[in-house]
PDB file of all heavy atoms in Angstrom:
ATOM      1  N   ILE A   1     -11.274   8.534  -4.706  1.00  0.00           N
ATOM      2  CA  ILE A   1     -11.168   7.485  -5.712  1.00  0.00           C
ATOM      3  C   ILE A   1     -12.510   6.808  -5.914  1.00  0.00           C
ATOM      4  O   ILE A   1     -13.245   6.550  -4.956  1.00  0.00           O
ATOM      5  CB  ILE A   1     -10.125   6.429  -5.278  1.00  0.00           C
ATOM      6  CG1 ILE A   1      -8.766   7.118  -5.046  1.00  0.00           C
ATOM      7  CG2 ILE A   1      -9.980   5.323  -6.293  1.00  0.00           C
ATOM      8  CD1 ILE A   1      -7.784   6.275  -4.291  1.00  0.00           C
ATOM      9  N   PHE A   2     -12.841   6.523  -7.169  1.00  0.00           N
ATOM     10  CA  PHE A   2     -14.054   5.781  -7.504  1.00  0.00           C
ATOM     11  C   PHE A   2     -13.643   4.412  -8.021  1.00  0.00           C
ATOM     12  O   PHE A   2     -12.800   4.311  -8.915  1.00  0.00           O
ATOM     13  CB  PHE A   2     -14.856   6.531  -8.556  1.00  0.00           C
ATOM     14  CG  PHE A   2     -16.094   5.802  -9.022  1.00  0.00           C
ATOM     15  CD1 PHE A   2     -17.086   5.433  -8.121  1.00  0.00           C
ATOM     16  CD2 PHE A   2     -16.282   5.482 -10.367  1.00  0.00           C
ATOM     17  CE1 PHE A   2     -18.238   4.774  -8.534  1.00  0.00           C
ATOM     18  CE2 PHE A   2     -17.423   4.826 -10.805  1.00  0.00           C
ATOM     19  CZ  PHE A   2     -18.398   4.470  -9.885  1.00  0.00           C
ATOM     20  N   ILE A   3     -14.223   3.343  -7.432  1.00  0.00           N
ATOM     21  CA  ILE A   3     -13.865   1.969  -7.810  1.00  0.00           C
ATOM     22  C   ILE A   3     -15.126   1.195  -8.160  1.00  0.00           C
ATOM     23  O   ILE A   3     -16.084   1.147  -7.381  1.00  0.00           O
ATOM     24  CB  ILE A   3     -13.127   1.257  -6.658  1.00  0.00           C
ATOM     25  CG1 ILE A   3     -11.816   1.984  -6.320  1.00  0.00           C
ATOM     26  CG2 ILE A   3     -12.842  -0.195  -7.002  1.00  0.00           C
ATOM     27  CD1 ILE A   3     -11.097   1.426  -5.110  1.00  0.00           C
ATOM     28  N   THR A   4     -15.120   0.551  -9.325  1.00  0.00           N
ATOM     29  CA  THR A   4     -16.158  -0.426  -9.656  1.00  0.00           C
ATOM     30  C   THR A   4     -15.563  -1.815  -9.416  1.00  0.00           C
ATOM     31  O   THR A   4     -14.349  -2.002  -9.540  1.00  0.00           O
ATOM     32  CB  THR A   4     -16.607  -0.310 -11.123  1.00  0.00           C
ATOM     33  OG1 THR A   4     -15.540  -0.732 -11.986  1.00  0.00           O
ATOM     34  CG2 THR A   4     -17.027   1.095 -11.461  1.00  0.00           C
ATOM     35  N   GLY A   5     -16.396  -2.777  -9.083  1.00  0.00           N
ATOM     36  CA  GLY A   5     -15.881  -4.136  -8.833  1.00  0.00           C
ATOM     37  C   GLY A   5     -15.205  -4.286  -7.492  1.00  0.00           C
ATOM     38  O   GLY A   5     -14.392  -5.177  -7.290  1.00  0.00           O
ATOM     39  N   GLY A   6     -15.536  -3.409  -6.554  1.00  0.00           N
ATOM     40  CA  GLY A   6     -14.916  -3.432  -5.234  1.00  0.00           C
ATOM     41  C   GLY A   6     -15.274  -4.638  -4.387  1.00  0.00           C
ATOM     42  O   GLY A   6     -14.605  -4.937  -3.410  1.00  0.00           O
ATOM     43  N   THR A   7     -16.337  -5.367  -4.773  1.00  0.00           N
ATOM     44  CA  THR A   7     -16.725  -6.554  -3.989  1.00  0.00           C
ATOM     45  C   THR A   7     -16.066  -7.829  -4.519  1.00  0.00           C
ATOM     46  O   THR A   7     -16.252  -8.889  -3.964  1.00  0.00           O
ATOM     47  CB  THR A   7     -18.257  -6.740  -4.020  1.00  0.00           C
ATOM     48  OG1 THR A   7     -18.697  -6.834  -5.378  1.00  0.00           O
ATOM     49  CG2 THR A   7     -18.960  -5.586  -3.346  1.00  0.00           C
ATOM     50  N   GLY A   8     -15.296  -7.714  -5.634  1.00  0.00           N
ATOM     51  CA  GLY A   8     -14.597  -8.853  -6.189  1.00  0.00           C
ATOM     52  C   GLY A   8     -13.230  -9.053  -5.573  1.00  0.00           C
ATOM     53  O   GLY A   8     -12.785  -8.281  -4.718  1.00  0.00           O
ATOM     54  N   PHE A   9     -12.528 -10.094  -6.010  1.00  0.00           N
ATOM     55  CA  PHE A   9     -11.233 -10.459  -5.441  1.00  0.00           C
ATOM     56  C   PHE A   9     -10.204  -9.340  -5.579  1.00  0.00           C
ATOM     57  O   PHE A   9      -9.645  -8.873  -4.585  1.00  0.00           O
ATOM     58  CB  PHE A   9     -10.736 -11.743  -6.137  1.00  0.00           C
ATOM     59  CG  PHE A   9      -9.361 -12.174  -5.708  1.00  0.00           C
ATOM     60  CD1 PHE A   9      -9.087 -12.466  -4.394  1.00  0.00           C
ATOM     61  CD2 PHE A   9      -8.339 -12.298  -6.647  1.00  0.00           C
ATOM     62  CE1 PHE A   9      -7.801 -12.871  -3.997  1.00  0.00           C
ATOM     63  CE2 PHE A   9      -7.076 -12.715  -6.280  1.00  0.00           C
ATOM     64  CZ  PHE A   9      -6.810 -12.993  -4.949  1.00  0.00           C
ATOM     65  N   VAL A  10      -9.963  -8.888  -6.799  1.00  0.00           N
ATOM     66  CA  VAL A  10      -9.004  -7.820  -7.036  1.00  0.00           C
ATOM     67  C   VAL A  10      -9.477  -6.515  -6.399  1.00  0.00           C
ATOM     68  O   VAL A  10      -8.681  -5.758  -5.815  1.00  0.00           O
ATOM     69  CB  VAL A  10      -8.743  -7.615  -8.541  1.00  0.00           C
ATOM     70  CG1 VAL A  10      -7.873  -6.390  -8.795  1.00  0.00           C
ATOM     71  CG2 VAL A  10      -8.071  -8.853  -9.132  1.00  0.00           C
ATOM     72  N   GLY A  11     -10.787  -6.253  -6.464  1.00  0.00           N
ATOM     73  CA  GLY A  11     -11.338  -5.023  -5.891  1.00  0.00           C
ATOM     74  C   GLY A  11     -11.102  -4.924  -4.400  1.00  0.00           C
ATOM     75  O   GLY A  11     -10.724  -3.862  -3.875  1.00  0.00           O
ATOM     76  N   LYS A  12     -11.316  -6.024  -3.679  1.00  0.00           N
ATOM     77  CA  LYS A  12     -11.086  -6.022  -2.226  1.00  0.00           C
ATOM     78  C   LYS A  12      -9.617  -5.744  -1.889  1.00  0.00           C
ATOM     79  O   LYS A  12      -9.301  -4.963  -0.997  1.00  0.00           O
ATOM     80  CB  LYS A  12     -11.490  -7.375  -1.630  1.00  0.00           C
ATOM     81  CG  LYS A  12     -12.981  -7.654  -1.610  1.00  0.00           C
ATOM     82  CD  LYS A  12     -13.221  -9.058  -1.080  1.00  0.00           C
ATOM     83  CE  LYS A  12     -14.682  -9.455  -1.193  1.00  0.00           C
ATOM     84  NZ  LYS A  12     -14.882 -10.863  -0.776  1.00  0.00           N
ATOM     85  N   LEU A  13      -8.737  -6.409  -2.621  1.00  0.00           N
ATOM     86  CA  LEU A  13      -7.300  -6.193  -2.407  1.00  0.00           C
ATOM     87  C   LEU A  13      -6.899  -4.743  -2.680  1.00  0.00           C
ATOM     88  O   LEU A  13      -6.080  -4.156  -1.971  1.00  0.00           O
ATOM     89  CB  LEU A  13      -6.483  -7.140  -3.292  1.00  0.00           C
ATOM     90  CG  LEU A  13      -6.476  -8.615  -2.891  1.00  0.00           C
ATOM     91  CD1 LEU A  13      -5.843  -9.467  -3.972  1.00  0.00           C
ATOM     92  CD2 LEU A  13      -5.756  -8.827  -1.563  1.00  0.00           C
ATOM     93  N   LEU A  14      -7.501  -4.166  -3.724  1.00  0.00           N
ATOM     94  CA  LEU A  14      -7.216  -2.781  -4.086  1.00  0.00           C
ATOM     95  C   LEU A  14      -7.656  -1.835  -2.976  1.00  0.00           C
ATOM     96  O   LEU A  14      -6.894  -0.928  -2.566  1.00  0.00           O
ATOM     97  CB  LEU A  14      -7.917  -2.441  -5.384  1.00  0.00           C
ATOM     98  CG  LEU A  14      -7.817  -0.997  -5.882  1.00  0.00           C
ATOM     99  CD1 LEU A  14      -6.382  -0.592  -6.119  1.00  0.00           C
ATOM    100  CD2 LEU A  14      -8.664  -0.812  -7.153  1.00  0.00           C
ATOM    101  N   ILE A  15      -8.863  -2.018  -2.477  1.00  0.00           N
ATOM    102  CA  ILE A  15      -9.392  -1.151  -1.389  1.00  0.00           C
ATOM    103  C   ILE A  15      -8.491  -1.255  -0.165  1.00  0.00           C
ATOM    104  O   ILE A  15      -8.106  -0.247   0.425  1.00  0.00           O
ATOM    105  CB  ILE A  15     -10.835  -1.554  -1.054  1.00  0.00           C
ATOM    106  CG1 ILE A  15     -11.771  -1.287  -2.238  1.00  0.00           C
ATOM    107  CG2 ILE A  15     -11.320  -0.804   0.183  1.00  0.00           C
ATOM    108  CD1 ILE A  15     -13.112  -1.998  -2.102  1.00  0.00           C
ATOM    109  N   GLU A  16      -8.165  -2.484   0.232  1.00  0.00           N
ATOM    110  CA  GLU A  16      -7.369  -2.701   1.422  1.00  0.00           C
ATOM    111  C   GLU A  16      -5.999  -2.039   1.324  1.00  0.00           C
ATOM    112  O   GLU A  16      -5.555  -1.364   2.258  1.00  0.00           O
ATOM    113  CB  GLU A  16      -7.215  -4.213   1.654  1.00  0.00           C
ATOM    114  CG  GLU A  16      -6.676  -4.610   3.029  1.00  0.00           C
ATOM    115  CD  GLU A  16      -5.167  -4.485   3.160  1.00  0.00           C
ATOM    116  OE1 GLU A  16      -4.465  -4.513   2.110  1.00  0.00           O
ATOM    117  OE2 GLU A  16      -4.682  -4.343   4.299  1.00  0.00           O
ATOM    118  N   LYS A  17      -5.369  -2.194   0.178  1.00  0.00           N
ATOM    119  CA  LYS A  17      -4.025  -1.631   0.005  1.00  0.00           C
ATOM    120  C   LYS A  17      -4.045  -0.113   0.003  1.00  0.00           C
ATOM    121  O   LYS A  17      -3.193   0.535   0.621  1.00  0.00           O
ATOM    122  CB  LYS A  17      -3.421  -2.149  -1.308  1.00  0.00           C
ATOM    123  CG  LYS A  17      -2.003  -1.685  -1.540  1.00  0.00           C
ATOM    124  CD  LYS A  17      -1.023  -2.267  -0.529  1.00  0.00           C
ATOM    125  CE  LYS A  17       0.404  -1.868  -0.874  1.00  0.00           C
ATOM    126  NZ  LYS A  17       1.393  -2.534  -0.005  1.00  0.00           N
ATOM    127  N   LEU A  18      -5.012   0.470  -0.663  1.00  0.00           N
ATOM    128  CA  LEU A  18      -5.129   1.935  -0.688  1.00  0.00           C
ATOM    129  C   LEU A  18      -5.353   2.474   0.721  1.00  0.00           C
ATOM    130  O   LEU A  18      -4.749   3.482   1.112  1.00  0.00           O
ATOM    131  CB  LEU A  18      -6.282   2.349  -1.598  1.00  0.00           C
ATOM    132  CG  LEU A  18      -6.039   2.193  -3.105  1.00  0.00           C
ATOM    133  CD1 LEU A  18      -7.336   2.418  -3.881  1.00  0.00           C
ATOM    134  CD2 LEU A  18      -4.957   3.157  -3.613  1.00  0.00           C
ATOM    135  N   LEU A  19      -6.218   1.841   1.489  1.00  0.00           N
ATOM    136  CA  LEU A  19      -6.490   2.296   2.844  1.00  0.00           C
ATOM    137  C   LEU A  19      -5.257   2.167   3.751  1.00  0.00           C
ATOM    138  O   LEU A  19      -4.977   3.040   4.569  1.00  0.00           O
ATOM    139  CB  LEU A  19      -7.645   1.489   3.442  1.00  0.00           C
ATOM    140  CG  LEU A  19      -9.044   1.753   2.875  1.00  0.00           C
ATOM    141  CD1 LEU A  19     -10.021   0.701   3.388  1.00  0.00           C
ATOM    142  CD2 LEU A  19      -9.532   3.147   3.230  1.00  0.00           C
ATOM    143  N   ARG A  20      -4.523   1.094   3.560  1.00  0.00           N
ATOM    144  CA  ARG A  20      -3.393   0.804   4.465  1.00  0.00           C
ATOM    145  C   ARG A  20      -2.133   1.593   4.122  1.00  0.00           C
ATOM    146  O   ARG A  20      -1.408   2.036   5.006  1.00  0.00           O
ATOM    147  CB  ARG A  20      -3.110  -0.701   4.440  1.00  0.00           C
ATOM    148  CG  ARG A  20      -2.026  -1.164   5.387  1.00  0.00           C
ATOM    149  CD  ARG A  20      -2.102  -2.670   5.640  1.00  0.00           C
ATOM    150  NE  ARG A  20      -2.254  -3.422   4.415  1.00  0.00           N
ATOM    151  CZ  ARG A  20      -1.250  -3.831   3.631  1.00  0.00           C
ATOM    152  NH1 ARG A  20      -0.010  -3.538   3.978  1.00  0.00           N
ATOM    153  NH2 ARG A  20      -1.473  -4.534   2.545  1.00  0.00           N
ATOM    154  N   GLU A  21      -1.843   1.773   2.830  1.00  0.00           N
ATOM    155  CA  GLU A  21      -0.576   2.387   2.454  1.00  0.00           C
ATOM    156  C   GLU A  21      -0.694   3.825   1.939  1.00  0.00           C
ATOM    157  O   GLU A  21       0.314   4.479   1.703  1.00  0.00           O
ATOM    158  CB  GLU A  21       0.130   1.524   1.391  1.00  0.00           C
ATOM    159  CG  GLU A  21       0.719   0.241   1.920  1.00  0.00           C
ATOM    160  CD  GLU A  21       1.810   0.455   2.972  1.00  0.00           C
ATOM    161  OE1 GLU A  21       2.415   1.556   2.979  1.00  0.00           O
ATOM    162  OE2 GLU A  21       2.034  -0.455   3.775  1.00  0.00           O
ATOM    163  N   CYS A  22      -1.922   4.293   1.729  1.00  0.00           N
ATOM    164  CA  CYS A  22      -2.105   5.672   1.270  1.00  0.00           C
ATOM    165  C   CYS A  22      -2.983   6.409   2.275  1.00  0.00           C
ATOM    166  O   CYS A  22      -4.185   6.625   2.032  1.00  0.00           O
ATOM    167  CB  CYS A  22      -2.739   5.696  -0.128  1.00  0.00           C
ATOM    168  SG  CYS A  22      -1.755   4.852  -1.370  1.00  0.00           S
ATOM    169  N   PRO A  23      -2.424   6.788   3.404  1.00  0.00           N
ATOM    170  CA  PRO A  23      -3.224   7.332   4.506  1.00  0.00           C
ATOM    171  C   PRO A  23      -3.901   8.653   4.198  1.00  0.00           C
ATOM    172  O   PRO A  23      -4.853   9.028   4.867  1.00  0.00           O
ATOM    173  CB  PRO A  23      -2.187   7.505   5.639  1.00  0.00           C
ATOM    174  CG  PRO A  23      -0.873   7.644   4.934  1.00  0.00           C
ATOM    175  CD  PRO A  23      -0.980   6.764   3.735  1.00  0.00           C
ATOM    176  N   GLY A  24      -3.398   9.374   3.210  1.00  0.00           N
ATOM    177  CA  GLY A  24      -3.972  10.692   2.919  1.00  0.00           C
ATOM    178  C   GLY A  24      -5.155  10.676   1.983  1.00  0.00           C
ATOM    179  O   GLY A  24      -5.665  11.740   1.624  1.00  0.00           O
ATOM    180  N   ILE A  25      -5.640   9.512   1.584  1.00  0.00           N
ATOM    181  CA  ILE A  25      -6.818   9.437   0.707  1.00  0.00           C
ATOM    182  C   ILE A  25      -8.024  10.064   1.393  1.00  0.00           C
ATOM    183  O   ILE A  25      -8.278   9.810   2.576  1.00  0.00           O
ATOM    184  CB  ILE A  25      -7.105   7.973   0.315  1.00  0.00           C
ATOM    185  CG1 ILE A  25      -6.097   7.496  -0.728  1.00  0.00           C
ATOM    186  CG2 ILE A  25      -8.523   7.807  -0.235  1.00  0.00           C
ATOM    187  CD1 ILE A  25      -6.238   6.054  -1.104  1.00  0.00           C
ATOM    188  N   SER A  26      -8.759  10.864   0.644  1.00  0.00           N
ATOM    189  CA  SER A  26      -9.951  11.511   1.228  1.00  0.00           C
ATOM    190  C   SER A  26     -11.080  10.500   1.364  1.00  0.00           C
ATOM    191  O   SER A  26     -11.458  10.108   2.458  1.00  0.00           O
ATOM    192  CB  SER A  26     -10.393  12.684   0.351  1.00  0.00           C
ATOM    193  OG  SER A  26      -9.396  13.675   0.312  1.00  0.00           O
TER     194      SER A  26
END
């Protein structure tokens, strides 16, 4: 996955949720 704005409020929440609930992400 490619994410822009990852250092912002929504971006941080998005990264955290993907890491925690989608374990198969490369």
